[in-house]
Amino acid sequence: MKRVLAVLLSKVKCAVMLHVVVFSLLAIPCIADVANIDRKDHADVKGSVDGKGNAHDGEYVNDSVNLTNGWVRASLPGANNSAAFLTLRNNTALNKTIVAVSCTAAQQCELHQHTHVDGKMRMGKVNNLILPANSELKFTSGGYHVMLIGVLAPLSVGAMVELTFIFEDNTKYSVNLPVKSVRDE
């Protein structure tokens, strides 16, 4: 009888652990979406960029575009992909169209968007994004984001990742973004 109880207890523990792991993996995007709402530590701050493209006081600026709240998600164990989140502001009177993004940390980068279709959340590539005149475009968990595909080495908290936004008019905008833990979302 003791042996039967031990076997049953072992199976119950395995089932509980499996449920905990699955729930944790499914909950990460939901937690991230909630965590991005009205975060005080994500408030816009002013600053400037030195000649090496490093941010001062949290904002990357050039004449026509500035970036705030930019960061890249640290690698999860066994994951080959990551994502970058940020806010881009177009300071010009004309729309600017982002046609590509490149980076130094992955084999390729793509513009992606989460959408809800038939009650399910789907993620897909977006060929280009319009950055409206005198407006902002937010790249958030659960919305538009930059997908880093085929990360070349694990992205550790505190590291920097260079992203380059390429616009339809062939202008480029490069920034170095810090890597942060998914727990910081």
C-alpha atoms as a PDB file:
ATOM      1  CA  MET A   1       0.000   0.000   0.000  1.00  0.00           C
ATOM      2  CA  LYS A   2       2.818   2.396   0.877  1.00  0.00           C
ATOM      3  CA  ARG A   3       4.432   1.721  -2.489  1.00  0.00           C
ATOM      4  CA  VAL A   4       1.182   2.478  -4.356  1.00  0.00           C
ATOM      5  CA  LEU A   5       0.782   5.733  -2.420  1.00  0.00           C
ATOM      6  CA  ALA A   6       4.402   6.708  -3.167  1.00  0.00           C
ATOM      7  CA  VAL A   7       3.895   6.083  -6.898  1.00  0.00           C
ATOM      8  CA  LEU A   8       0.632   8.086  -6.918  1.00  0.00           C
ATOM      9  CA  LEU A   9       2.241  10.939  -4.991  1.00  0.00           C
ATOM     10  CA  SER A  10       5.131  11.004  -7.458  1.00  0.00           C
ATOM     11  CA  LYS A  11       2.743  11.216 -10.431  1.00  0.00           C
ATOM     12  CA  VAL A  12       0.737  13.990  -8.779  1.00  0.00           C
ATOM     13  CA  LYS A  13       3.916  16.002  -8.141  1.00  0.00           C
ATOM     14  CA  CYS A  14       4.940  15.626 -11.811  1.00  0.00           C
ATOM     15  CA  ALA A  15       1.495  16.725 -13.013  1.00  0.00           C
ATOM     16  CA  VAL A  16       1.504  19.753 -10.710  1.00  0.00           C
ATOM     17  CA  MET A  17       4.996  20.783 -11.866  1.00  0.00           C
ATOM     18  CA  LEU A  18       3.954  20.439 -15.531  1.00  0.00           C
ATOM     19  CA  HIS A  19       0.937  22.683 -14.921  1.00  0.00           C
ATOM     20  CA  VAL A  20       3.095  25.274 -13.162  1.00  0.00           C
ATOM     21  CA  VAL A  21       5.598  25.356 -16.039  1.00  0.00           C
ATOM     22  CA  VAL A  22       2.894  25.625 -18.737  1.00  0.00           C
ATOM     23  CA  PHE A  23       1.018  28.323 -16.825  1.00  0.00           C
ATOM     24  CA  SER A  24       4.229  30.308 -16.305  1.00  0.00           C
ATOM     25  CA  LEU A  25       5.077  30.233 -20.009  1.00  0.00           C
ATOM     26  CA  LEU A  26       1.550  31.257 -21.005  1.00  0.00           C
ATOM     27  CA  ALA A  27       1.377  34.019 -18.402  1.00  0.00           C
ATOM     28  CA  ILE A  28       4.572  35.865 -19.392  1.00  0.00           C
ATOM     29  CA  PRO A  29       3.019  37.841 -22.311  1.00  0.00           C
ATOM     30  CA  CYS A  30      -0.070  38.691 -20.234  1.00  0.00           C
ATOM     31  CA  ILE A  31       2.007  39.856 -17.284  1.00  0.00           C
ATOM     32  CA  ALA A  32       4.183  41.891 -19.641  1.00  0.00           C
ATOM     33  CA  ASP A  33       1.125  43.623 -21.154  1.00  0.00           C
ATOM     34  CA  VAL A  34      -0.225  44.561 -17.722  1.00  0.00           C
ATOM     35  CA  ALA A  35       3.208  45.687 -16.524  1.00  0.00           C
ATOM     36  CA  ASN A  36       3.566  48.128 -19.432  1.00  0.00           C
ATOM     37  CA  ILE A  37       0.508  50.151 -18.427  1.00  0.00           C
ATOM     38  CA  ASP A  38       1.370  53.512 -16.854  1.00  0.00           C
ATOM     39  CA  ARG A  39       4.759  52.468 -15.501  1.00  0.00           C
ATOM     40  CA  LYS A  40       6.328  55.440 -13.675  1.00  0.00           C
ATOM     41  CA  ASP A  41       9.864  54.177 -14.393  1.00  0.00           C
ATOM     42  CA  HIS A  42       9.124  54.277 -18.143  1.00  0.00           C
ATOM     43  CA  ALA A  43       8.385  57.996 -18.209  1.00  0.00           C
ATOM     44  CA  ASP A  44       9.965  59.974 -21.030  1.00  0.00           C
ATOM     45  CA  VAL A  45      13.202  61.688 -20.038  1.00  0.00           C
ATOM     46  CA  LYS A  46      15.229  64.166 -22.061  1.00  0.00           C
ATOM     47  CA  GLY A  47      18.861  63.739 -22.976  1.00  0.00           C
ATOM     48  CA  SER A  48      21.232  63.506 -25.902  1.00  0.00           C
ATOM     49  CA  VAL A  49      23.376  61.060 -27.819  1.00  0.00           C
ATOM     50  CA  ASP A  50      27.144  61.219 -27.953  1.00  0.00           C
ATOM     51  CA  GLY A  51      29.092  60.543 -31.163  1.00  0.00           C
ATOM     52  CA  LYS A  52      29.130  56.792 -30.395  1.00  0.00           C
ATOM     53  CA  GLY A  53      25.327  56.472 -30.304  1.00  0.00           C
ATOM     54  CA  ASN A  54      25.126  55.995 -26.537  1.00  0.00           C
ATOM     55  CA  ALA A  55      22.159  57.432 -24.721  1.00  0.00           C
ATOM     56  CA  HIS A  56      22.325  59.942 -21.923  1.00  0.00           C
ATOM     57  CA  ASP A  57      19.373  60.128 -19.531  1.00  0.00           C
ATOM     58  CA  GLY A  58      17.329  57.567 -21.482  1.00  0.00           C
ATOM     59  CA  GLU A  59      16.606  59.195 -24.833  1.00  0.00           C
ATOM     60  CA  TYR A  60      18.193  58.877 -28.281  1.00  0.00           C
ATOM     61  CA  VAL A  61      17.751  61.994 -30.419  1.00  0.00           C
ATOM     62  CA  ASN A  62      18.488  63.121 -33.958  1.00  0.00           C
ATOM     63  CA  ASP A  63      16.976  65.946 -36.010  1.00  0.00           C
ATOM     64  CA  SER A  64      13.876  64.092 -37.151  1.00  0.00           C
ATOM     65  CA  VAL A  65      13.409  61.066 -34.861  1.00  0.00           C
ATOM     66  CA  ASN A  66      13.879  60.363 -31.184  1.00  0.00           C
ATOM     67  CA  LEU A  67      13.597  57.148 -29.220  1.00  0.00           C
ATOM     68  CA  THR A  68      12.546  56.716 -25.609  1.00  0.00           C
ATOM     69  CA  ASN A  69      11.990  53.753 -23.306  1.00  0.00           C
ATOM     70  CA  GLY A  70      14.053  51.446 -25.519  1.00  0.00           C
ATOM     71  CA  TRP A  71      15.199  48.039 -24.324  1.00  0.00           C
ATOM     72  CA  VAL A  72      15.718  44.452 -25.495  1.00  0.00           C
ATOM     73  CA  ARG A  73      14.350  41.400 -23.668  1.00  0.00           C
ATOM     74  CA  ALA A  74      17.055  39.173 -22.122  1.00  0.00           C
ATOM     75  CA  SER A  75      17.312  35.659 -23.528  1.00  0.00           C
ATOM     76  CA  LEU A  76      15.109  33.026 -21.978  1.00  0.00           C
ATOM     77  CA  PRO A  77      16.712  29.586 -21.497  1.00  0.00           C
ATOM     78  CA  GLY A  78      16.713  27.678 -24.779  1.00  0.00           C
ATOM     79  CA  ALA A  79      15.233  30.562 -26.791  1.00  0.00           C
ATOM     80  CA  ASN A  80      16.844  31.660 -30.065  1.00  0.00           C
ATOM     81  CA  ASN A  81      14.747  34.806 -30.447  1.00  0.00           C
ATOM     82  CA  SER A  82      14.168  37.996 -28.499  1.00  0.00           C
ATOM     83  CA  ALA A  83      12.309  41.269 -28.940  1.00  0.00           C
ATOM     84  CA  ALA A  84      12.927  44.999 -28.609  1.00  0.00           C
ATOM     85  CA  PHE A  85      10.426  47.465 -27.189  1.00  0.00           C
ATOM     86  CA  LEU A  86      10.566  51.251 -27.477  1.00  0.00           C
ATOM     87  CA  THR A  87       8.794  54.433 -28.476  1.00  0.00           C
ATOM     88  CA  LEU A  88       9.782  56.298 -31.659  1.00  0.00           C
ATOM     89  CA  ARG A  89       8.754  59.911 -32.190  1.00  0.00           C
ATOM     90  CA  ASN A  90       8.711  61.595 -35.587  1.00  0.00           C
ATOM     91  CA  ASN A  91       9.502  65.289 -35.077  1.00  0.00           C
ATOM     92  CA  THR A  92       8.928  66.248 -38.721  1.00  0.00           C
ATOM     93  CA  ALA A  93       5.861  67.450 -40.622  1.00  0.00           C
ATOM     94  CA  LEU A  94       6.044  64.413 -42.955  1.00  0.00           C
ATOM     95  CA  ASN A  95       5.300  60.743 -42.358  1.00  0.00           C
ATOM     96  CA  LYS A  96       8.380  58.502 -42.189  1.00  0.00           C
ATOM     97  CA  THR A  97       8.089  54.859 -43.210  1.00  0.00           C
ATOM     98  CA  ILE A  98      10.250  52.232 -41.505  1.00  0.00           C
ATOM     99  CA  VAL A  99      11.056  49.570 -44.108  1.00  0.00           C
ATOM    100  CA  ALA A 100      13.585  47.461 -42.183  1.00  0.00           C
ATOM    101  CA  VAL A 101      15.485  47.033 -38.942  1.00  0.00           C
ATOM    102  CA  SER A 102      18.924  45.497 -38.559  1.00  0.00           C
ATOM    103  CA  CYS A 103      20.946  44.602 -35.486  1.00  0.00           C
ATOM    104  CA  THR A 104      24.297  43.269 -34.400  1.00  0.00           C
ATOM    105  CA  ALA A 105      22.962  40.631 -31.993  1.00  0.00           C
ATOM    106  CA  ALA A 106      20.866  38.409 -34.284  1.00  0.00           C
ATOM    107  CA  GLN A 107      20.905  36.879 -37.741  1.00  0.00           C
ATOM    108  CA  GLN A 108      17.971  39.083 -38.687  1.00  0.00           C
ATOM    109  CA  CYS A 109      15.492  41.574 -37.305  1.00  0.00           C
ATOM    110  CA  GLU A 110      11.897  42.028 -38.378  1.00  0.00           C
ATOM    111  CA  LEU A 111       9.062  44.391 -37.602  1.00  0.00           C
ATOM    112  CA  HIS A 112       6.276  42.341 -35.982  1.00  0.00           C
ATOM    113  CA  GLN A 113       2.770  42.886 -34.685  1.00  0.00           C
ATOM    114  CA  HIS A 114       0.526  40.917 -32.337  1.00  0.00           C
ATOM    115  CA  THR A 115      -3.089  40.755 -33.499  1.00  0.00           C
ATOM    116  CA  HIS A 116      -6.231  39.091 -32.181  1.00  0.00           C
ATOM    117  CA  VAL A 117      -7.879  36.870 -34.813  1.00  0.00           C
ATOM    118  CA  ASP A 118     -10.855  34.625 -34.042  1.00  0.00           C
ATOM    119  CA  GLY A 119     -10.209  34.937 -30.322  1.00  0.00           C
ATOM    120  CA  LYS A 120      -6.565  33.925 -30.659  1.00  0.00           C
ATOM    121  CA  MET A 121      -3.444  36.037 -30.404  1.00  0.00           C
ATOM    122  CA  ARG A 122      -1.195  35.804 -33.454  1.00  0.00           C
ATOM    123  CA  MET A 123       2.177  37.347 -34.226  1.00  0.00           C
ATOM    124  CA  GLY A 124       3.348  38.160 -37.722  1.00  0.00           C
ATOM    125  CA  LYS A 125       5.844  40.106 -39.763  1.00  0.00           C
ATOM    126  CA  VAL A 126       4.964  43.622 -40.906  1.00  0.00           C
ATOM    127  CA  ASN A 127       6.652  44.751 -44.133  1.00  0.00           C
ATOM    128  CA  ASN A 128       6.761  48.422 -43.118  1.00  0.00           C
ATOM    129  CA  LEU A 129       5.427  50.799 -40.504  1.00  0.00           C
ATOM    130  CA  ILE A 130       4.410  54.404 -40.932  1.00  0.00           C
ATOM    131  CA  LEU A 131       5.739  56.732 -38.261  1.00  0.00           C
ATOM    132  CA  PRO A 132       3.152  59.531 -38.515  1.00  0.00           C
ATOM    133  CA  ALA A 133       4.221  63.172 -38.741  1.00  0.00           C
ATOM    134  CA  ASN A 134       4.681  64.824 -35.345  1.00  0.00           C
ATOM    135  CA  SER A 135       3.537  61.641 -33.590  1.00  0.00           C
ATOM    136  CA  GLU A 136       4.734  58.606 -31.662  1.00  0.00           C
ATOM    137  CA  LEU A 137       4.727  54.913 -32.469  1.00  0.00           C
ATOM    138  CA  LYS A 138       4.975  52.548 -29.503  1.00  0.00           C
ATOM    139  CA  PHE A 139       6.613  49.139 -29.780  1.00  0.00           C
ATOM    140  CA  THR A 140       5.173  47.140 -26.855  1.00  0.00           C
ATOM    141  CA  SER A 141       4.631  43.588 -25.719  1.00  0.00           C
ATOM    142  CA  GLY A 142       1.330  42.561 -27.279  1.00  0.00           C
ATOM    143  CA  GLY A 143       1.594  45.149 -30.098  1.00  0.00           C
ATOM    144  CA  TYR A 144       4.235  46.255 -32.575  1.00  0.00           C
ATOM    145  CA  HIS A 145       7.775  45.176 -31.651  1.00  0.00           C
ATOM    146  CA  VAL A 146      11.134  44.435 -33.229  1.00  0.00           C
ATOM    147  CA  MET A 147      11.752  40.684 -33.388  1.00  0.00           C
ATOM    148  CA  LEU A 148      15.385  39.539 -33.107  1.00  0.00           C
ATOM    149  CA  ILE A 149      15.549  36.190 -34.897  1.00  0.00           C
ATOM    150  CA  GLY A 150      18.456  33.801 -34.496  1.00  0.00           C
ATOM    151  CA  VAL A 151      20.182  35.524 -31.586  1.00  0.00           C
ATOM    152  CA  LEU A 152      23.927  34.964 -32.035  1.00  0.00           C
ATOM    153  CA  ALA A 153      24.694  34.631 -28.311  1.00  0.00           C
ATOM    154  CA  PRO A 154      22.502  34.738 -25.196  1.00  0.00           C
ATOM    155  CA  LEU A 155      21.445  38.304 -24.371  1.00  0.00           C
ATOM    156  CA  SER A 156      22.407  38.985 -20.754  1.00  0.00           C
ATOM    157  CA  VAL A 157      20.930  41.684 -18.547  1.00  0.00           C
ATOM    158  CA  GLY A 158      23.081  44.828 -18.762  1.00  0.00           C
ATOM    159  CA  ALA A 159      24.455  44.122 -22.246  1.00  0.00           C
ATOM    160  CA  MET A 160      23.790  46.559 -25.093  1.00  0.00           C
ATOM    161  CA  VAL A 161      22.269  45.754 -28.495  1.00  0.00           C
ATOM    162  CA  GLU A 162      22.635  48.047 -31.499  1.00  0.00           C
ATOM    163  CA  LEU A 163      19.500  48.452 -33.643  1.00  0.00           C
ATOM    164  CA  THR A 164      19.367  50.368 -36.923  1.00  0.00           C
ATOM    165  CA  PHE A 165      16.029  51.557 -38.279  1.00  0.00           C
ATOM    166  CA  ILE A 166      16.015  51.987 -42.061  1.00  0.00           C
ATOM    167  CA  PHE A 167      13.491  54.381 -43.566  1.00  0.00           C
ATOM    168  CA  GLU A 168      11.923  54.496 -47.029  1.00  0.00           C
ATOM    169  CA  ASP A 169      13.978  57.606 -47.916  1.00  0.00           C
ATOM    170  CA  ASN A 170      17.174  55.545 -47.240  1.00  0.00           C
ATOM    171  CA  THR A 171      17.968  57.373 -44.010  1.00  0.00           C
ATOM    172  CA  LYS A 172      19.086  55.287 -41.042  1.00  0.00           C
ATOM    173  CA  TYR A 173      18.723  55.750 -37.313  1.00  0.00           C
ATOM    174  CA  SER A 174      21.006  53.640 -35.064  1.00  0.00           C
ATOM    175  CA  VAL A 175      20.722  53.218 -31.302  1.00  0.00           C
ATOM    176  CA  ASN A 176      22.237  51.049 -28.574  1.00  0.00           C
ATOM    177  CA  LEU A 177      19.570  49.590 -26.296  1.00  0.00           C
ATOM    178  CA  PRO A 178      20.088  47.946 -22.902  1.00  0.00           C
ATOM    179  CA  VAL A 179      19.108  44.319 -22.327  1.00  0.00           C
ATOM    180  CA  LYS A 180      16.613  43.896 -19.471  1.00  0.00           C
ATOM    181  CA  SER A 181      15.017  40.940 -17.744  1.00  0.00           C
ATOM    182  CA  VAL A 182      11.482  39.892 -18.635  1.00  0.00           C
ATOM    183  CA  ARG A 183      10.750  40.535 -14.941  1.00  0.00           C
ATOM    184  CA  ASP A 184      11.400  44.254 -15.566  1.00  0.00           C
ATOM    185  CA  GLU A 185       8.587  44.519 -18.116  1.00  0.00           C
END
